Amino acid sequence: MTVALAPRAPRPASRRPGELDDLTLARAQRGEPAAWRALIEHHQAAVFALLGRMLGGGRRSLVEDLAQETFLAVFRQLPGFSAQGPARLSTWILTIASRRAIDELRRRAPAPIALDDIAAPAPGERADGALARRQLAAAIDRALAGVAPVHRAAFVLRELHGLEHHEIAEALGIDPGTVRSRLARARAALRAALAEAHREVDHDA
């Protein structure tokens, strides 16, 4: 079976969308095609954003493949999902996507972050300003690439998708205390990257 993903918006949302209404969810659970398409359109931007940030730049085809796998799993498991349960539908879907991303990252090294958009000079920007931003992006790239997949997942779910600690714990199958420690490690790596980038800029100045 192939899931037909809707055309994506040029700039995917970085925060969780609102929840799908109960009637559409119930119809999707019964397998009604229109409701299923509405569910995908409602949640796919967040899924693509999470997978893209977890896997790094330059892997569009892999992100699309894992998004397909995510929604296939959602389709298979949706009849058993309860809107009265502990997890929101959006959190439940991101859980499925994040676990697929973690599995993929464990099999291979994350791709580097695409720097072109980050470091491209803004109109009227001096060349040294663009160089500083490129150095900063490269330092963050190195930091995220060195973070263990489970730590990276916790960081992305918290900082870029706004999940609460207990939701991340549920998504990753860990306790909230472990979530806090993983977030602390990811943030420490990024702080070190920022400090390194500043040292590089000061050295080249």
N, C-alpha and C. Protein backbone atom coordinates (compact mmCIF):
# COMPACT_ATOMS: atom_id res chain seq x y z
N MET A 1 0.85 -1.21 0.00
CA MET A 1 0.00 0.00 0.00
C MET A 1 0.87 1.25 0.00
N THR A 2 0.49 2.25 -0.75
CA THR A 2 1.20 3.53 -0.79
C THR A 2 0.30 4.62 -0.26
N VAL A 3 0.85 5.44 0.61
CA VAL A 3 0.10 6.57 1.15
C VAL A 3 0.31 7.76 0.24
N ALA A 4 -0.78 8.37 -0.21
CA ALA A 4 -0.68 9.55 -1.07
C ALA A 4 -0.54 10.78 -0.21
N LEU A 5 0.68 11.29 -0.12
CA LEU A 5 0.92 12.51 0.65
C LEU A 5 0.51 13.71 -0.17
N ALA A 6 -0.09 14.67 0.48
CA ALA A 6 -0.53 15.89 -0.21
C ALA A 6 0.67 16.77 -0.50
N PRO A 7 0.58 17.64 -1.52
CA PRO A 7 1.67 18.60 -1.77
C PRO A 7 1.95 19.40 -0.52
N ARG A 8 3.23 19.55 -0.20
CA ARG A 8 3.61 20.23 1.02
C ARG A 8 3.68 21.74 0.81
N ALA A 9 3.41 22.46 1.90
CA ALA A 9 3.57 23.92 1.86
C ALA A 9 5.05 24.24 1.78
N PRO A 10 5.42 25.37 1.19
CA PRO A 10 6.84 25.71 1.06
C PRO A 10 7.57 25.79 2.39
N ARG A 11 6.91 26.23 3.45
CA ARG A 11 7.57 26.39 4.73
C ARG A 11 6.79 25.60 5.77
N PRO A 12 7.22 24.36 6.11
CA PRO A 12 6.46 23.55 7.05
C PRO A 12 6.47 24.15 8.45
N ALA A 13 5.39 23.88 9.16
CA ALA A 13 5.27 24.40 10.53
C ALA A 13 6.29 23.73 11.43
N SER A 14 6.84 24.48 12.39
CA SER A 14 7.81 23.92 13.31
C SER A 14 7.18 23.57 14.65
N ARG A 15 5.94 23.91 14.85
CA ARG A 15 5.24 23.57 16.08
C ARG A 15 4.07 22.64 15.77
N ARG A 16 3.58 22.01 16.82
CA ARG A 16 2.47 21.09 16.61
C ARG A 16 1.25 21.82 16.06
N PRO A 17 0.56 21.21 15.09
CA PRO A 17 -0.70 21.80 14.65
C PRO A 17 -1.78 21.54 15.68
N GLY A 18 -2.94 22.18 15.51
CA GLY A 18 -4.08 21.84 16.34
C GLY A 18 -4.52 20.41 16.06
N GLU A 19 -5.32 19.88 16.97
CA GLU A 19 -5.74 18.49 16.81
C GLU A 19 -6.85 18.36 15.76
N LEU A 20 -6.87 17.23 15.10
CA LEU A 20 -7.93 16.91 14.16
C LEU A 20 -9.25 16.80 14.92
N ASP A 21 -10.33 17.27 14.31
CA ASP A 21 -11.61 17.20 15.02
C ASP A 21 -12.05 15.75 15.19
N ASP A 22 -12.84 15.50 16.22
CA ASP A 22 -13.21 14.14 16.60
C ASP A 22 -13.99 13.42 15.50
N LEU A 23 -14.85 14.14 14.79
CA LEU A 23 -15.65 13.50 13.74
C LEU A 23 -14.77 13.01 12.60
N THR A 24 -13.83 13.86 12.16
CA THR A 24 -12.92 13.45 11.09
C THR A 24 -12.05 12.29 11.55
N LEU A 25 -11.59 12.32 12.79
CA LEU A 25 -10.79 11.22 13.32
C LEU A 25 -11.58 9.92 13.31
N ALA A 26 -12.82 9.98 13.76
CA ALA A 26 -13.65 8.76 13.78
C ALA A 26 -13.86 8.22 12.37
N ARG A 27 -14.06 9.10 11.41
CA ARG A 27 -14.25 8.65 10.02
C ARG A 27 -12.96 8.05 9.46
N ALA A 28 -11.82 8.67 9.82
CA ALA A 28 -10.54 8.12 9.37
C ALA A 28 -10.30 6.74 9.98
N GLN A 29 -10.71 6.55 11.23
CA GLN A 29 -10.56 5.25 11.87
C GLN A 29 -11.41 4.18 11.20
N ARG A 30 -12.49 4.61 10.57
CA ARG A 30 -13.33 3.67 9.81
C ARG A 30 -12.80 3.44 8.40
N GLY A 31 -11.74 4.19 8.04
CA GLY A 31 -11.12 4.00 6.73
C GLY A 31 -11.73 4.81 5.62
N GLU A 32 -12.49 5.86 5.94
CA GLU A 32 -13.09 6.68 4.89
C GLU A 32 -11.99 7.49 4.20
N PRO A 33 -11.86 7.39 2.87
CA PRO A 33 -10.74 8.02 2.15
C PRO A 33 -10.65 9.54 2.37
N ALA A 34 -11.77 10.25 2.34
CA ALA A 34 -11.71 11.71 2.49
C ALA A 34 -11.18 12.09 3.86
N ALA A 35 -11.61 11.38 4.89
CA ALA A 35 -11.14 11.67 6.24
C ALA A 35 -9.66 11.32 6.39
N TRP A 36 -9.26 10.23 5.74
CA TRP A 36 -7.85 9.84 5.82
C TRP A 36 -6.97 10.89 5.14
N ARG A 37 -7.41 11.41 3.99
CA ARG A 37 -6.66 12.46 3.33
C ARG A 37 -6.59 13.71 4.21
N ALA A 38 -7.69 14.03 4.90
CA ALA A 38 -7.70 15.20 5.78
C ALA A 38 -6.71 15.01 6.93
N LEU A 39 -6.62 13.80 7.45
CA LEU A 39 -5.67 13.53 8.53
C LEU A 39 -4.23 13.74 8.05
N ILE A 40 -3.92 13.24 6.86
CA ILE A 40 -2.56 13.40 6.33
C ILE A 40 -2.25 14.88 6.12
N GLU A 41 -3.18 15.60 5.48
CA GLU A 41 -2.95 17.03 5.22
C GLU A 41 -2.77 17.80 6.52
N HIS A 42 -3.45 17.38 7.56
CA HIS A 42 -3.41 18.09 8.84
C HIS A 42 -2.07 17.88 9.55
N HIS A 43 -1.47 16.71 9.40
CA HIS A 43 -0.31 16.35 10.21
C HIS A 43 0.99 16.17 9.43
N GLN A 44 0.94 16.17 8.10
CA GLN A 44 2.17 15.82 7.39
C GLN A 44 3.26 16.88 7.49
N ALA A 45 2.90 18.16 7.61
CA ALA A 45 3.93 19.20 7.72
C ALA A 45 4.79 18.96 8.95
N ALA A 46 4.15 18.63 10.08
CA ALA A 46 4.91 18.37 11.30
C ALA A 46 5.77 17.13 11.17
N VAL A 47 5.25 16.10 10.49
CA VAL A 47 6.03 14.87 10.30
C VAL A 47 7.25 15.14 9.43
N PHE A 48 7.07 15.85 8.32
CA PHE A 48 8.21 16.18 7.46
C PHE A 48 9.22 17.05 8.20
N ALA A 49 8.74 18.01 9.01
CA ALA A 49 9.65 18.88 9.75
C ALA A 49 10.48 18.08 10.74
N LEU A 50 9.83 17.19 11.48
CA LEU A 50 10.56 16.38 12.46
C LEU A 50 11.59 15.49 11.78
N LEU A 51 11.18 14.78 10.74
CA LEU A 51 12.09 13.87 10.06
C LEU A 51 13.26 14.63 9.43
N GLY A 52 12.98 15.78 8.84
CA GLY A 52 14.04 16.57 8.22
C GLY A 52 15.06 17.03 9.24
N ARG A 53 14.60 17.46 10.40
CA ARG A 53 15.52 17.94 11.42
C ARG A 53 16.27 16.80 12.10
N MET A 54 15.62 15.66 12.20
CA MET A 54 16.30 14.51 12.80
C MET A 54 17.39 13.96 11.89
N LEU A 55 17.11 13.93 10.59
CA LEU A 55 18.03 13.26 9.66
C LEU A 55 19.05 14.20 9.05
N GLY A 56 18.85 15.50 9.13
CA GLY A 56 19.79 16.43 8.52
C GLY A 56 19.41 16.74 7.09
N GLY A 57 20.11 17.71 6.51
CA GLY A 57 19.81 18.14 5.14
C GLY A 57 20.29 17.15 4.10
N GLY A 58 19.83 17.34 2.89
CA GLY A 58 20.30 16.53 1.77
C GLY A 58 19.71 15.14 1.70
N ARG A 59 18.64 14.89 2.44
CA ARG A 59 18.04 13.55 2.42
C ARG A 59 16.54 13.63 2.16
N ARG A 60 16.16 14.42 1.20
CA ARG A 60 14.74 14.62 0.93
C ARG A 60 14.04 13.31 0.58
N SER A 61 14.67 12.48 -0.25
CA SER A 61 14.02 11.24 -0.64
C SER A 61 13.86 10.31 0.56
N LEU A 62 14.86 10.29 1.45
CA LEU A 62 14.77 9.45 2.65
C LEU A 62 13.67 9.98 3.57
N VAL A 63 13.60 11.29 3.74
CA VAL A 63 12.53 11.88 4.56
C VAL A 63 11.17 11.50 4.00
N GLU A 64 11.01 11.57 2.69
CA GLU A 64 9.72 11.23 2.08
C GLU A 64 9.41 9.75 2.29
N ASP A 65 10.44 8.88 2.18
CA ASP A 65 10.22 7.45 2.41
C ASP A 65 9.78 7.19 3.84
N LEU A 66 10.43 7.84 4.80
CA LEU A 66 10.08 7.61 6.20
C LEU A 66 8.73 8.23 6.54
N ALA A 67 8.38 9.33 5.87
CA ALA A 67 7.04 9.89 6.05
C ALA A 67 5.98 8.90 5.56
N GLN A 68 6.26 8.27 4.41
CA GLN A 68 5.35 7.23 3.91
C GLN A 68 5.21 6.11 4.93
N GLU A 69 6.35 5.65 5.46
CA GLU A 69 6.31 4.57 6.45
C GLU A 69 5.54 4.99 7.69
N THR A 70 5.73 6.24 8.10
CA THR A 70 5.03 6.74 9.28
C THR A 70 3.53 6.69 9.08
N PHE A 71 3.04 7.20 7.95
CA PHE A 71 1.60 7.24 7.75
C PHE A 71 1.01 5.87 7.44
N LEU A 72 1.82 4.97 6.88
CA LEU A 72 1.35 3.59 6.75
C LEU A 72 1.13 2.97 8.12
N ALA A 73 2.07 3.22 9.04
CA ALA A 73 1.91 2.71 10.40
C ALA A 73 0.71 3.35 11.08
N VAL A 74 0.53 4.65 10.86
CA VAL A 74 -0.64 5.34 11.41
C VAL A 74 -1.92 4.70 10.88
N PHE A 75 -1.96 4.44 9.58
CA PHE A 75 -3.15 3.84 8.97
C PHE A 75 -3.47 2.48 9.59
N ARG A 76 -2.41 1.68 9.80
CA ARG A 76 -2.63 0.34 10.36
C ARG A 76 -3.07 0.40 11.82
N GLN A 77 -2.53 1.35 12.57
CA GLN A 77 -2.77 1.38 14.01
C GLN A 77 -3.90 2.32 14.42
N LEU A 78 -4.37 3.15 13.50
CA LEU A 78 -5.35 4.17 13.85
C LEU A 78 -6.63 3.61 14.46
N PRO A 79 -7.17 2.47 13.99
CA PRO A 79 -8.40 1.96 14.61
C PRO A 79 -8.26 1.72 16.11
N GLY A 80 -7.04 1.44 16.58
CA GLY A 80 -6.84 1.21 18.01
C GLY A 80 -6.51 2.46 18.80
N PHE A 81 -6.39 3.60 18.13
CA PHE A 81 -6.08 4.84 18.84
C PHE A 81 -7.32 5.37 19.54
N SER A 82 -7.14 5.82 20.79
CA SER A 82 -8.25 6.39 21.55
C SER A 82 -8.00 7.86 21.82
N ALA A 83 -8.93 8.70 21.38
CA ALA A 83 -8.81 10.13 21.63
C ALA A 83 -8.93 10.45 23.12
N GLN A 84 -9.46 9.50 23.91
CA GLN A 84 -9.58 9.69 25.35
C GLN A 84 -8.35 9.16 26.09
N GLY A 85 -7.38 8.64 25.36
CA GLY A 85 -6.17 8.10 25.97
C GLY A 85 -5.22 9.21 26.40
N PRO A 86 -4.03 8.83 26.90
CA PRO A 86 -3.10 9.83 27.42
C PRO A 86 -2.42 10.67 26.35
N ALA A 87 -2.34 10.18 25.11
CA ALA A 87 -1.59 10.89 24.07
C ALA A 87 -2.53 11.61 23.11
N ARG A 88 -2.17 12.83 22.73
CA ARG A 88 -2.86 13.51 21.65
C ARG A 88 -2.56 12.79 20.34
N LEU A 89 -3.44 12.95 19.35
CA LEU A 89 -3.19 12.34 18.05
C LEU A 89 -1.89 12.87 17.44
N SER A 90 -1.66 14.17 17.55
CA SER A 90 -0.45 14.75 16.97
C SER A 90 0.80 14.17 17.63
N THR A 91 0.77 14.02 18.95
CA THR A 91 1.91 13.46 19.67
C THR A 91 2.11 12.00 19.29
N TRP A 92 1.03 11.27 19.17
CA TRP A 92 1.10 9.85 18.79
C TRP A 92 1.73 9.69 17.41
N ILE A 93 1.34 10.54 16.46
CA ILE A 93 1.91 10.46 15.11
C ILE A 93 3.38 10.83 15.13
N LEU A 94 3.74 11.89 15.87
CA LEU A 94 5.16 12.27 15.97
C LEU A 94 5.98 11.19 16.66
N THR A 95 5.35 10.45 17.58
CA THR A 95 6.04 9.32 18.22
C THR A 95 6.44 8.29 17.17
N ILE A 96 5.52 7.95 16.31
CA ILE A 96 5.80 6.96 15.27
C ILE A 96 6.91 7.47 14.36
N ALA A 97 6.83 8.75 13.96
CA ALA A 97 7.85 9.31 13.08
C ALA A 97 9.22 9.36 13.75
N SER A 98 9.25 9.77 15.01
CA SER A 98 10.54 9.91 15.70
C SER A 98 11.21 8.55 15.88
N ARG A 99 10.45 7.52 16.14
CA ARG A 99 11.05 6.20 16.31
C ARG A 99 11.63 5.68 15.00
N ARG A 100 10.98 6.00 13.90
CA ARG A 100 11.56 5.62 12.61
C ARG A 100 12.84 6.40 12.32
N ALA A 101 12.85 7.67 12.68
CA ALA A 101 14.06 8.47 12.49
C ALA A 101 15.20 7.95 13.36
N ILE A 102 14.90 7.59 14.59
CA ILE A 102 15.94 7.06 15.49
C ILE A 102 16.51 5.77 14.92
N ASP A 103 15.64 4.89 14.46
CA ASP A 103 16.12 3.63 13.87
C ASP A 103 17.04 3.90 12.67
N GLU A 104 16.65 4.88 11.85
CA GLU A 104 17.46 5.21 10.67
C GLU A 104 18.80 5.81 11.09
N LEU A 105 18.80 6.68 12.08
CA LEU A 105 20.05 7.29 12.53
C LEU A 105 20.98 6.27 13.16
N ARG A 106 20.43 5.26 13.78
CA ARG A 106 21.28 4.22 14.35
C ARG A 106 21.95 3.38 13.28
N ARG A 107 21.33 3.35 12.10
CA ARG A 107 21.91 2.57 11.00
C ARG A 107 22.96 3.35 10.22
N ARG A 108 22.87 4.65 10.25
CA ARG A 108 23.80 5.46 9.45
C ARG A 108 24.03 6.80 10.13
N ALA A 109 25.12 7.46 9.75
CA ALA A 109 25.43 8.77 10.31
C ALA A 109 24.47 9.80 9.76
N PRO A 110 24.07 10.80 10.58
CA PRO A 110 23.19 11.85 10.07
C PRO A 110 23.88 12.68 9.00
N ALA A 111 23.10 13.12 8.03
CA ALA A 111 23.65 13.98 6.97
C ALA A 111 23.93 15.36 7.53
N PRO A 112 24.89 16.07 6.94
CA PRO A 112 25.12 17.44 7.40
C PRO A 112 23.94 18.32 7.11
N ILE A 113 23.76 19.34 7.92
CA ILE A 113 22.71 20.32 7.69
C ILE A 113 23.04 21.10 6.42
N ALA A 114 22.03 21.35 5.59
CA ALA A 114 22.26 22.14 4.39
C ALA A 114 22.56 23.58 4.80
N LEU A 115 23.73 24.09 4.40
CA LEU A 115 24.16 25.40 4.87
C LEU A 115 23.80 26.52 3.90
N ASP A 116 23.40 26.21 2.69
CA ASP A 116 23.22 27.25 1.68
C ASP A 116 22.21 28.31 2.13
N ASP A 117 21.05 27.83 2.64
CA ASP A 117 20.02 28.78 3.04
C ASP A 117 20.44 29.54 4.29
N ILE A 118 21.17 28.85 5.20
CA ILE A 118 21.56 29.49 6.45
C ILE A 118 22.61 30.55 6.20
N ALA A 119 23.59 30.22 5.33
CA ALA A 119 24.76 31.07 5.19
C ALA A 119 24.73 31.97 3.97
N ALA A 120 23.69 31.89 3.17
CA ALA A 120 23.62 32.76 2.00
C ALA A 120 23.54 34.21 2.46
N PRO A 121 24.35 35.10 1.89
CA PRO A 121 24.35 36.49 2.36
C PRO A 121 23.01 37.17 2.10
N ALA A 122 22.57 37.91 3.10
CA ALA A 122 21.34 38.69 2.93
C ALA A 122 21.67 39.90 2.06
N PRO A 123 20.64 40.51 1.43
CA PRO A 123 20.90 41.69 0.61
C PRO A 123 21.62 42.76 1.41
N GLY A 124 22.75 43.22 0.88
CA GLY A 124 23.51 44.26 1.55
C GLY A 124 24.41 43.79 2.67
N GLU A 125 24.41 42.46 2.95
CA GLU A 125 25.24 41.96 4.04
C GLU A 125 26.70 41.90 3.63
N ARG A 126 27.59 42.25 4.55
CA ARG A 126 29.01 42.18 4.28
C ARG A 126 29.46 40.72 4.20
N ALA A 127 30.54 40.48 3.46
CA ALA A 127 31.03 39.12 3.29
C ALA A 127 31.44 38.50 4.61
N ASP A 128 32.00 39.31 5.52
CA ASP A 128 32.43 38.73 6.79
C ASP A 128 31.24 38.31 7.64
N GLY A 129 30.09 38.97 7.46
CA GLY A 129 28.89 38.56 8.18
C GLY A 129 28.39 37.22 7.70
N ALA A 130 28.41 37.02 6.37
CA ALA A 130 28.00 35.72 5.82
C ALA A 130 28.96 34.62 6.27
N LEU A 131 30.26 34.94 6.32
CA LEU A 131 31.24 33.95 6.78
C LEU A 131 30.98 33.56 8.22
N ALA A 132 30.66 34.53 9.06
CA ALA A 132 30.39 34.24 10.47
C ALA A 132 29.18 33.33 10.61
N ARG A 133 28.13 33.59 9.82
CA ARG A 133 26.94 32.75 9.90
C ARG A 133 27.22 31.35 9.38
N ARG A 134 28.07 31.23 8.36
CA ARG A 134 28.43 29.91 7.85
C ARG A 134 29.22 29.12 8.90
N GLN A 135 30.12 29.82 9.60
CA GLN A 135 30.88 29.16 10.65
C GLN A 135 29.97 28.70 11.78
N LEU A 136 28.99 29.54 12.12
CA LEU A 136 28.05 29.17 13.17
C LEU A 136 27.23 27.96 12.75
N ALA A 137 26.71 27.97 11.51
CA ALA A 137 25.91 26.85 11.02
C ALA A 137 26.73 25.56 11.00
N ALA A 138 27.99 25.67 10.59
CA ALA A 138 28.85 24.48 10.55
C ALA A 138 29.10 23.94 11.95
N ALA A 139 29.27 24.84 12.94
CA ALA A 139 29.50 24.39 14.31
C ALA A 139 28.26 23.70 14.87
N ILE A 140 27.08 24.24 14.58
CA ILE A 140 25.85 23.61 15.04
C ILE A 140 25.67 22.26 14.35
N ASP A 141 26.00 22.20 13.07
CA ASP A 141 25.95 20.95 12.32
C ASP A 141 26.80 19.89 13.00
N ARG A 142 28.04 20.25 13.35
CA ARG A 142 28.94 19.29 13.99
C ARG A 142 28.38 18.84 15.34
N ALA A 143 27.79 19.78 16.07
CA ALA A 143 27.25 19.43 17.38
C ALA A 143 26.08 18.46 17.26
N LEU A 144 25.14 18.76 16.37
CA LEU A 144 23.97 17.88 16.23
C LEU A 144 24.37 16.52 15.66
N ALA A 145 25.33 16.51 14.76
CA ALA A 145 25.77 15.24 14.19
C ALA A 145 26.40 14.36 15.25
N GLY A 146 26.99 14.98 16.28
CA GLY A 146 27.63 14.20 17.32
C GLY A 146 26.71 13.81 18.45
N VAL A 147 25.48 14.30 18.45
CA VAL A 147 24.52 13.96 19.50
C VAL A 147 23.90 12.61 19.20
N ALA A 148 23.81 11.75 20.20
CA ALA A 148 23.19 10.43 20.01
C ALA A 148 21.75 10.60 19.50
N PRO A 149 21.29 9.69 18.66
CA PRO A 149 19.95 9.83 18.08
C PRO A 149 18.86 10.06 19.12
N VAL A 150 18.90 9.35 20.25
CA VAL A 150 17.83 9.51 21.24
C VAL A 150 17.88 10.89 21.88
N HIS A 151 19.09 11.46 22.05
CA HIS A 151 19.20 12.81 22.60
C HIS A 151 18.72 13.83 21.58
N ARG A 152 19.08 13.61 20.33
CA ARG A 152 18.64 14.51 19.26
C ARG A 152 17.12 14.49 19.14
N ALA A 153 16.53 13.31 19.27
CA ALA A 153 15.07 13.20 19.19
C ALA A 153 14.40 13.99 20.30
N ALA A 154 14.91 13.86 21.52
CA ALA A 154 14.32 14.60 22.63
C ALA A 154 14.40 16.10 22.39
N PHE A 155 15.55 16.57 21.89
CA PHE A 155 15.73 17.99 21.64
C PHE A 155 14.76 18.49 20.57
N VAL A 156 14.66 17.76 19.46
CA VAL A 156 13.78 18.18 18.37
C VAL A 156 12.32 18.20 18.82
N LEU A 157 11.90 17.16 19.54
CA LEU A 157 10.52 17.09 20.00
C LEU A 157 10.19 18.21 20.98
N ARG A 158 11.15 18.57 21.81
CA ARG A 158 10.89 19.62 22.80
C ARG A 158 11.01 21.02 22.22
N GLU A 159 12.15 21.31 21.60
CA GLU A 159 12.45 22.68 21.19
C GLU A 159 11.80 23.08 19.89
N LEU A 160 11.58 22.12 18.99
CA LEU A 160 11.05 22.46 17.67
C LEU A 160 9.59 22.07 17.49
N HIS A 161 9.09 21.16 18.33
CA HIS A 161 7.68 20.75 18.21
C HIS A 161 6.88 21.01 19.47
N GLY A 162 7.53 21.49 20.52
CA GLY A 162 6.81 21.95 21.70
C GLY A 162 6.18 20.87 22.55
N LEU A 163 6.62 19.62 22.46
CA LEU A 163 6.06 18.57 23.30
C LEU A 163 6.50 18.78 24.75
N GLU A 164 5.63 18.44 25.68
CA GLU A 164 5.97 18.49 27.09
C GLU A 164 6.85 17.29 27.46
N HIS A 165 7.49 17.38 28.62
CA HIS A 165 8.41 16.31 29.02
C HIS A 165 7.71 14.96 29.10
N HIS A 166 6.48 14.93 29.63
CA HIS A 166 5.80 13.65 29.75
C HIS A 166 5.40 13.10 28.38
N GLU A 167 5.15 13.99 27.42
CA GLU A 167 4.83 13.52 26.07
C GLU A 167 6.07 12.95 25.38
N ILE A 168 7.21 13.59 25.59
CA ILE A 168 8.46 13.07 25.03
C ILE A 168 8.78 11.72 25.66
N ALA A 169 8.56 11.61 26.98
CA ALA A 169 8.79 10.34 27.67
C ALA A 169 7.95 9.23 27.05
N GLU A 170 6.70 9.54 26.78
CA GLU A 170 5.81 8.56 26.15
C GLU A 170 6.27 8.23 24.74
N ALA A 171 6.68 9.25 24.01
CA ALA A 171 7.09 9.06 22.62
C ALA A 171 8.32 8.17 22.51
N LEU A 172 9.27 8.36 23.43
CA LEU A 172 10.55 7.65 23.34
C LEU A 172 10.61 6.43 24.25
N GLY A 173 9.53 6.20 25.01
CA GLY A 173 9.51 5.03 25.88
C GLY A 173 10.47 5.13 27.05
N ILE A 174 10.61 6.33 27.63
CA ILE A 174 11.53 6.55 28.74
C ILE A 174 10.80 7.31 29.83
N ASP A 175 11.45 7.47 31.00
CA ASP A 175 10.80 8.23 32.07
C ASP A 175 11.16 9.72 31.94
N PRO A 176 10.36 10.60 32.56
CA PRO A 176 10.60 12.04 32.41
C PRO A 176 11.98 12.48 32.89
N GLY A 177 12.52 11.82 33.90
CA GLY A 177 13.86 12.18 34.35
C GLY A 177 14.90 11.95 33.28
N THR A 178 14.74 10.89 32.52
CA THR A 178 15.66 10.61 31.41
C THR A 178 15.49 11.65 30.31
N VAL A 179 14.28 12.11 30.09
CA VAL A 179 14.05 13.18 29.12
C VAL A 179 14.86 14.40 29.51
N ARG A 180 14.81 14.77 30.76
CA ARG A 180 15.54 15.96 31.22
C ARG A 180 17.05 15.80 31.01
N SER A 181 17.57 14.62 31.29
CA SER A 181 19.01 14.43 31.12
C SER A 181 19.40 14.45 29.65
N ARG A 182 18.55 13.90 28.78
CA ARG A 182 18.86 13.91 27.35
C ARG A 182 18.78 15.32 26.78
N LEU A 183 17.81 16.08 27.24
CA LEU A 183 17.73 17.47 26.79
C LEU A 183 18.95 18.26 27.27
N ALA A 184 19.37 18.01 28.49
CA ALA A 184 20.54 18.72 29.02
C ALA A 184 21.78 18.41 28.19
N ARG A 185 21.95 17.16 27.79
CA ARG A 185 23.12 16.78 26.98
C ARG A 185 23.07 17.44 25.62
N ALA A 186 21.89 17.44 24.99
CA ALA A 186 21.78 18.05 23.66
C ALA A 186 22.03 19.55 23.74
N ARG A 187 21.50 20.21 24.76
CA ARG A 187 21.69 21.66 24.91
C ARG A 187 23.15 21.98 25.21
N ALA A 188 23.80 21.12 26.01
CA ALA A 188 25.22 21.35 26.31
C ALA A 188 26.05 21.26 25.04
N ALA A 189 25.72 20.31 24.16
CA ALA A 189 26.46 20.17 22.91
C ALA A 189 26.28 21.41 22.04
N LEU A 190 25.06 21.95 22.01
CA LEU A 190 24.81 23.13 21.21
C LEU A 190 25.49 24.37 21.81
N ARG A 191 25.50 24.48 23.14
CA ARG A 191 26.21 25.60 23.76
C ARG A 191 27.70 25.53 23.44
N ALA A 192 28.26 24.32 23.49
CA ALA A 192 29.67 24.17 23.15
C ALA A 192 29.92 24.56 21.70
N ALA A 193 28.98 24.20 20.82
CA ALA A 193 29.13 24.54 19.40
C ALA A 193 29.10 26.04 19.21
N LEU A 194 28.19 26.72 19.91
CA LEU A 194 28.12 28.17 19.80
C LEU A 194 29.40 28.83 20.31
N ALA A 195 29.91 28.32 21.44
CA ALA A 195 31.15 28.87 21.97
C ALA A 195 32.30 28.66 20.99
N GLU A 196 32.35 27.49 20.37
CA GLU A 196 33.39 27.21 19.37
C GLU A 196 33.27 28.13 18.18
N ALA A 197 32.03 28.36 17.74
CA ALA A 197 31.82 29.24 16.59
C ALA A 197 32.29 30.66 16.90
N HIS A 198 32.01 31.14 18.11
CA HIS A 198 32.45 32.47 18.49
C HIS A 198 33.97 32.56 18.54
N ARG A 199 34.61 31.48 19.02
CA ARG A 199 36.07 31.49 19.06
C ARG A 199 36.65 31.54 17.65
N GLU A 200 36.01 30.78 16.71
CA GLU A 200 36.48 30.78 15.34
C GLU A 200 36.33 32.16 14.70
N VAL A 201 35.20 32.81 14.99
CA VAL A 201 34.97 34.15 14.43
C VAL A 201 35.99 35.13 14.99
N ASP A 202 36.22 35.07 16.32
CA ASP A 202 37.17 35.99 16.93
C ASP A 202 38.58 35.75 16.41
N HIS A 203 38.92 34.47 16.16
CA HIS A 203 40.26 34.15 15.67
C HIS A 203 40.48 34.68 14.26
N ASP A 204 39.40 34.62 13.43
CA ASP A 204 39.53 35.06 12.03
C ASP A 204 39.37 36.56 11.87
N ALA A 205 38.87 37.21 12.94
CA ALA A 205 38.58 38.67 12.81
C ALA A 205 39.87 39.46 12.71
